[in-house]
């Protein structure tokens, strides 16, 4: 039974999410240094964090005819949605908000990122930035439906949309074991809504960093932080959805939740460094021809099992 945490967890949850994001950034920096043949030291891991003071001190870029209100709204909504999505994720046996529709809440916050990134691309009134925003929308049209079916598979098997109930329904056998397609599609969705690794097409180098290209200072810091916060939140959500939540031998639930989240996060960081960028139009074709039918079949499996009980 998942319990609702005390009021101070509203401060602890964003702090834990930020700590996970910092670890992911440090791990990515170490992998980049190793691939380039540079020494992998503590200084290497901390180097991306040295950009934070510089970005905080830098002046925001001013462009002619920019819609500053929509631009700023889009930039802020990405990290805020990532933090709000984490409120329903159980940490051991405790969640900040134990909502009866926790899966829907998580998915809704992820969809907010669609609008936020499109506004971040539209606001500067610049061509490459707008192209980046539309690329993310196209990417979203590809990954969103398979991602929703993956979430639906876990919810159907547990007969509940409450995230804690889904974790408790996996006693004896994790959903990742008998729903591997849903698990793999969910992890791909995490990389896609974080627009990192193979899904960084909206911020591609061919369009001068796209949605990130015209941002500077605090705006750039918020967007970059939003990407890694979403990666961490997605990794944490994979634990109750597919990896049995905080259950495990010998350790308290919060320790198992932490270990499993770090393991999923490590896998995602490793993957984003190993795969090339996938063009949005090609992923749309792959998603609608391959992933949608596969995930439809996947969601039918738990549905038939539930009907047969």
Protein backbone atom coordinates (compact mmCIF):
# COMPACT_ATOMS: atom_id res chain seq x y z
CA UNK A 1 0.00 0.00 0.00
CA UNK A 2 1.50 3.31 -1.09
CA UNK A 3 1.28 6.11 1.48
CA UNK A 4 1.14 9.84 0.84
CA UNK A 5 4.32 11.52 2.07
CA UNK A 6 4.51 14.50 4.44
CA UNK A 7 4.41 18.08 3.13
CA UNK A 8 8.20 18.41 3.12
CA UNK A 9 8.39 15.77 0.39
CA UNK A 10 7.25 18.53 -2.00
CA UNK A 11 10.76 19.93 -1.54
CA UNK A 12 12.57 16.58 -1.31
CA UNK A 13 11.15 15.18 -4.57
CA UNK A 14 12.54 17.96 -6.83
CA UNK A 15 15.86 17.76 -4.96
CA UNK A 16 16.13 14.00 -5.55
CA UNK A 17 15.14 14.45 -9.18
CA UNK A 18 17.80 17.13 -9.61
CA UNK A 19 20.41 14.88 -7.95
CA UNK A 20 19.58 12.09 -10.41
CA UNK A 21 19.82 14.51 -13.33
CA UNK A 22 23.25 15.73 -12.14
CA UNK A 23 24.48 12.12 -11.93
CA UNK A 24 23.20 11.47 -15.46
CA UNK A 25 24.97 14.58 -16.80
CA UNK A 26 28.20 13.53 -15.05
CA UNK A 27 27.93 9.99 -16.43
CA UNK A 28 27.35 11.34 -19.94
CA UNK A 29 30.41 13.59 -19.63
CA UNK A 30 32.56 10.63 -18.55
CA UNK A 31 31.36 8.52 -21.49
CA UNK A 32 32.05 11.40 -23.89
CA UNK A 33 35.57 11.80 -22.49
CA UNK A 34 36.27 8.06 -22.75
CA UNK A 35 35.04 7.97 -26.36
CA UNK A 36 37.31 10.91 -27.19
CA UNK A 37 40.31 9.31 -25.50
CA UNK A 38 40.49 11.93 -22.76
CA UNK A 39 41.10 11.15 -19.05
CA UNK A 40 37.96 10.21 -17.12
CA UNK A 41 38.45 12.08 -13.85
CA UNK A 42 36.21 13.77 -11.29
CA UNK A 43 36.98 17.10 -12.96
CA UNK A 44 35.76 15.66 -16.27
CA UNK A 45 32.49 14.57 -14.66
CA UNK A 46 31.94 17.99 -13.08
CA UNK A 47 32.89 20.03 -16.16
CA UNK A 48 29.27 20.37 -17.52
CA UNK A 49 28.20 21.74 -14.13
CA UNK A 50 30.74 24.56 -14.44
CA UNK A 51 28.52 25.95 -17.21
CA UNK A 52 25.74 26.66 -14.69
CA UNK A 53 27.26 29.86 -13.16
CA UNK A 54 28.13 31.15 -16.63
CA UNK A 55 24.58 30.62 -17.90
CA UNK A 56 23.09 32.21 -14.77
CA UNK A 57 25.24 35.30 -15.29
CA UNK A 58 24.69 35.56 -19.07
CA UNK A 59 22.16 38.02 -20.51
CA UNK A 60 19.11 36.52 -22.28
CA UNK A 61 19.26 36.95 -26.05
CA UNK A 62 16.97 39.64 -27.50
CA UNK A 63 15.56 39.11 -30.98
CA UNK A 64 13.40 41.40 -33.16
CA UNK A 65 9.66 40.64 -33.11
CA UNK A 66 10.06 37.75 -30.68
CA UNK A 67 7.00 36.70 -28.67
CA UNK A 68 8.76 36.82 -25.33
CA UNK A 69 5.75 35.73 -23.25
CA UNK A 70 5.14 32.51 -25.21
CA UNK A 71 8.88 31.89 -25.53
CA UNK A 72 9.42 32.16 -21.76
CA UNK A 73 6.27 30.12 -21.05
CA UNK A 74 7.51 27.32 -23.29
CA UNK A 75 10.99 27.30 -21.76
CA UNK A 76 9.72 27.20 -18.17
CA UNK A 77 7.08 24.53 -18.82
CA UNK A 78 9.64 21.83 -19.76
CA UNK A 79 11.45 21.52 -16.37
CA UNK A 80 8.26 22.29 -14.41
CA UNK A 81 6.36 19.48 -16.17
CA UNK A 82 9.27 17.09 -15.46
CA UNK A 83 9.16 17.91 -11.73
CA UNK A 84 5.35 17.61 -11.59
CA UNK A 85 5.48 14.23 -13.33
CA UNK A 86 7.67 12.85 -10.53
CA UNK A 87 5.13 13.64 -7.79
CA UNK A 88 3.15 10.44 -8.48
CA UNK A 89 6.19 8.12 -8.56
CA UNK A 90 6.41 5.94 -5.41
CA UNK A 91 9.76 6.03 -3.62
CA UNK A 92 9.68 2.74 -1.77
CA UNK A 93 6.17 2.74 -0.31
CA UNK A 94 5.71 6.52 -0.30
CA UNK A 95 4.67 9.03 -2.97
CA UNK A 96 4.22 12.79 -2.80
CA UNK A 97 0.78 12.43 -4.42
CA UNK A 98 -0.79 8.96 -4.50
CA UNK A 99 -3.31 9.80 -7.23
CA UNK A 100 -5.84 7.23 -8.41
CA UNK A 101 -4.98 8.32 -11.98
CA UNK A 102 -1.20 8.56 -11.51
CA UNK A 103 -0.38 7.03 -14.91
CA UNK A 104 -2.65 9.57 -16.65
CA UNK A 105 -1.03 12.40 -14.68
CA UNK A 106 2.47 11.32 -15.74
CA UNK A 107 1.40 11.06 -19.37
CA UNK A 108 -0.37 14.44 -19.21
CA UNK A 109 2.77 16.16 -17.88
CA UNK A 110 4.77 14.61 -20.70
CA UNK A 111 2.27 15.98 -23.24
CA UNK A 112 2.70 19.44 -21.68
CA UNK A 113 6.31 19.22 -22.88
CA UNK A 114 4.98 18.97 -26.45
CA UNK A 115 3.35 22.36 -26.15
CA UNK A 116 6.24 23.83 -24.19
CA UNK A 117 8.88 22.90 -26.72
CA UNK A 118 6.75 24.05 -29.63
CA UNK A 119 6.29 27.42 -27.92
CA UNK A 120 10.05 27.53 -27.23
CA UNK A 121 10.56 27.07 -30.97
CA UNK A 122 7.85 29.55 -32.02
CA UNK A 123 8.63 32.34 -29.55
CA UNK A 124 12.03 33.54 -30.87
CA UNK A 125 10.59 34.26 -34.35
CA UNK A 126 13.57 32.48 -35.92
CA UNK A 127 13.48 29.88 -38.70
CA UNK A 128 15.78 27.19 -37.27
CA UNK A 129 14.18 27.42 -33.84
CA UNK A 130 10.71 26.99 -35.34
CA UNK A 131 11.88 24.00 -37.40
CA UNK A 132 13.19 22.43 -34.19
CA UNK A 133 9.80 22.93 -32.53
CA UNK A 134 7.98 21.29 -35.44
CA UNK A 135 10.50 18.45 -35.44
CA UNK A 136 9.61 17.70 -31.83
CA UNK A 137 5.89 17.70 -32.68
CA UNK A 138 6.58 15.27 -35.55
CA UNK A 139 8.67 13.14 -33.21
CA UNK A 140 5.84 13.23 -30.69
CA UNK A 141 3.35 11.98 -33.28
CA UNK A 142 5.65 8.97 -33.68
CA UNK A 143 6.45 8.02 -30.09
CA UNK A 144 3.33 9.10 -28.22
CA UNK A 145 0.88 6.40 -29.31
CA UNK A 146 3.29 3.46 -28.70
CA UNK A 147 4.23 5.05 -25.37
CA UNK A 148 0.57 5.29 -24.35
CA UNK A 149 0.01 1.63 -25.26
CA UNK A 150 3.09 0.70 -23.18
CA UNK A 151 1.67 2.60 -20.18
CA UNK A 152 -1.72 1.01 -20.82
CA UNK A 153 -0.18 -2.48 -20.80
CA UNK A 154 1.13 -2.04 -17.25
CA UNK A 155 -2.11 -0.41 -16.06
CA UNK A 156 -4.25 -3.17 -17.62
CA UNK A 157 -2.22 -5.94 -16.00
CA UNK A 158 -2.61 -4.26 -12.58
CA UNK A 159 -6.24 -3.26 -13.28
CA UNK A 160 -5.44 0.19 -11.90
CA UNK A 161 -4.15 3.58 -12.99
CA UNK A 162 -2.60 4.16 -9.55
CA UNK A 163 1.19 3.82 -9.87
CA UNK A 164 1.55 2.20 -6.43
CA UNK A 165 -1.03 -0.47 -7.34
CA UNK A 166 0.91 -1.28 -10.52
CA UNK A 167 4.12 -1.82 -8.51
CA UNK A 168 2.33 -4.06 -5.99
CA UNK A 169 0.75 -6.15 -8.77
CA UNK A 170 4.22 -7.44 -9.76
CA UNK A 171 4.88 -9.70 -6.76
CA UNK A 172 6.80 -12.70 -8.06
CA UNK A 173 7.24 -11.53 -11.66
CA UNK A 174 8.14 -8.10 -12.98
CA UNK A 175 6.09 -6.75 -15.89
CA UNK A 176 9.37 -6.17 -17.78
CA UNK A 177 9.81 -9.97 -17.95
CA UNK A 178 6.49 -10.85 -19.58
CA UNK A 179 5.88 -7.48 -21.29
CA UNK A 180 9.31 -6.83 -22.88
CA UNK A 181 7.89 -4.93 -25.87
CA UNK A 182 6.06 -2.46 -23.62
CA UNK A 183 9.20 -2.02 -21.49
CA UNK A 184 11.46 -1.39 -24.50
CA UNK A 185 8.96 1.01 -26.10
CA UNK A 186 8.59 2.88 -22.80
CA UNK A 187 12.38 3.34 -22.52
CA UNK A 188 12.53 4.58 -26.13
CA UNK A 189 9.72 7.00 -25.25
CA UNK A 190 11.74 8.32 -22.30
CA UNK A 191 14.65 9.18 -24.63
CA UNK A 192 12.19 10.73 -27.11
CA UNK A 193 10.39 13.09 -24.71
CA UNK A 194 13.80 14.03 -23.26
CA UNK A 195 14.94 14.77 -26.87
CA UNK A 196 18.31 13.22 -26.08
CA UNK A 197 20.53 10.71 -27.88
CA UNK A 198 18.88 9.23 -30.99
CA UNK A 199 15.91 11.59 -30.51
CA UNK A 200 17.81 14.90 -30.36
CA UNK A 201 16.64 15.75 -33.89
CA UNK A 202 14.67 18.82 -32.62
CA UNK A 203 18.00 20.22 -31.36
CA UNK A 204 20.05 18.95 -34.33
CA UNK A 205 23.33 20.49 -35.41
CA UNK A 206 22.05 20.81 -38.99
CA UNK A 207 19.60 23.51 -37.78
CA UNK A 208 22.03 25.24 -35.38
CA UNK A 209 20.65 23.44 -32.28
CA UNK A 210 16.99 24.05 -33.27
CA UNK A 211 14.82 24.75 -30.22
CA UNK A 212 17.94 25.44 -28.18
CA UNK A 213 19.66 27.63 -30.79
CA UNK A 214 18.22 31.04 -29.88
CA UNK A 215 18.16 30.50 -26.12
CA UNK A 216 20.88 31.78 -23.83
CA UNK A 217 21.48 32.45 -20.16
CA UNK A 218 18.80 31.21 -17.76
CA UNK A 219 16.50 30.16 -20.62
CA UNK A 220 19.16 27.83 -22.02
CA UNK A 221 19.85 26.44 -18.53
CA UNK A 222 16.14 25.72 -17.96
CA UNK A 223 15.74 23.88 -21.26
CA UNK A 224 18.90 21.81 -20.79
CA UNK A 225 17.89 21.02 -17.21
CA UNK A 226 14.43 20.04 -18.41
CA UNK A 227 15.87 17.42 -20.76
CA UNK A 228 17.85 15.69 -18.00
CA UNK A 229 15.08 16.05 -15.42
CA UNK A 230 12.73 14.29 -17.84
CA UNK A 231 15.29 11.53 -18.41
CA UNK A 232 15.55 11.00 -14.64
CA UNK A 233 11.80 11.13 -14.08
CA UNK A 234 11.24 8.62 -16.90
CA UNK A 235 13.86 6.27 -15.43
CA UNK A 236 12.24 6.53 -11.98
CA UNK A 237 8.78 5.84 -13.44
CA UNK A 238 10.07 2.66 -15.15
CA UNK A 239 10.70 1.15 -11.69
CA UNK A 240 7.08 0.95 -10.44
CA UNK A 241 5.71 0.33 -13.94
CA UNK A 242 7.92 -2.57 -15.01
CA UNK A 243 10.54 -3.44 -12.35
CA UNK A 244 8.47 -4.23 -9.25
CA UNK A 245 8.81 -0.84 -7.55
CA UNK A 246 10.61 -0.88 -4.20
CA UNK A 247 10.29 -4.62 -3.64
CA UNK A 248 13.46 -6.66 -3.14
CA UNK A 249 15.29 -8.73 -0.51
CA UNK A 250 17.35 -7.42 2.39
CA UNK A 251 17.00 -3.68 1.78
CA UNK A 252 14.25 -1.14 2.52
CA UNK A 253 11.92 -0.12 -0.29
CA UNK A 254 13.47 3.32 -0.79
CA UNK A 255 16.91 1.70 -1.29
CA UNK A 256 15.59 -0.68 -3.95
CA UNK A 257 13.77 2.18 -5.69
CA UNK A 258 17.01 4.19 -5.73
CA UNK A 259 19.15 1.30 -7.01
CA UNK A 260 16.69 0.36 -9.76
CA UNK A 261 16.27 4.00 -10.84
CA UNK A 262 20.06 4.49 -11.06
CA UNK A 263 20.40 1.24 -13.03
CA UNK A 264 17.75 2.32 -15.59
CA UNK A 265 19.29 5.80 -15.75
CA UNK A 266 22.74 4.30 -16.42
CA UNK A 267 21.35 2.18 -19.26
CA UNK A 268 19.62 5.20 -20.83
CA UNK A 269 22.76 7.36 -20.60
CA UNK A 270 24.81 4.56 -22.18
CA UNK A 271 22.27 4.14 -25.01
CA UNK A 272 22.05 7.83 -25.84
CA UNK A 273 25.81 7.83 -26.41
CA UNK A 274 25.74 4.70 -28.62
CA UNK A 275 22.93 5.39 -31.08
CA UNK A 276 22.90 7.83 -34.02
CA UNK A 277 20.27 10.52 -34.40
CA UNK A 278 17.04 9.23 -35.95
CA UNK A 279 15.26 11.57 -38.36
CA UNK A 280 11.73 12.36 -37.22
CA UNK A 281 10.12 11.31 -40.53
CA UNK A 282 11.85 7.92 -40.46
CA UNK A 283 10.85 7.30 -36.85
CA UNK A 284 7.25 8.26 -37.70
CA UNK A 285 7.21 5.56 -40.39
CA UNK A 286 8.84 2.97 -38.10
CA UNK A 287 6.50 3.78 -35.23
CA UNK A 288 3.27 3.58 -37.23
CA UNK A 289 4.26 0.52 -39.26
CA UNK A 290 6.06 -1.52 -36.57
CA UNK A 291 5.68 -0.15 -33.02
CA UNK A 292 1.95 0.60 -32.99
CA UNK A 293 0.95 -2.94 -34.12
CA UNK A 294 3.50 -4.49 -31.73
CA UNK A 295 2.31 -2.50 -28.72
CA UNK A 296 -1.33 -3.19 -29.63
CA UNK A 297 -0.60 -6.92 -29.50
CA UNK A 298 1.32 -6.36 -26.25
CA UNK A 299 -1.59 -4.61 -24.55
CA UNK A 300 -3.92 -7.43 -25.62
CA UNK A 301 -1.87 -9.99 -23.66
CA UNK A 302 -2.58 -8.57 -20.15
CA UNK A 303 -6.12 -7.68 -21.23
CA UNK A 304 -6.86 -11.32 -22.12
CA UNK A 305 -5.21 -12.54 -18.92
CA UNK A 306 -7.34 -10.17 -16.83
CA UNK A 307 -10.50 -11.30 -18.65
CA UNK A 308 -9.57 -14.94 -18.03
CA UNK A 309 -9.20 -14.56 -14.24
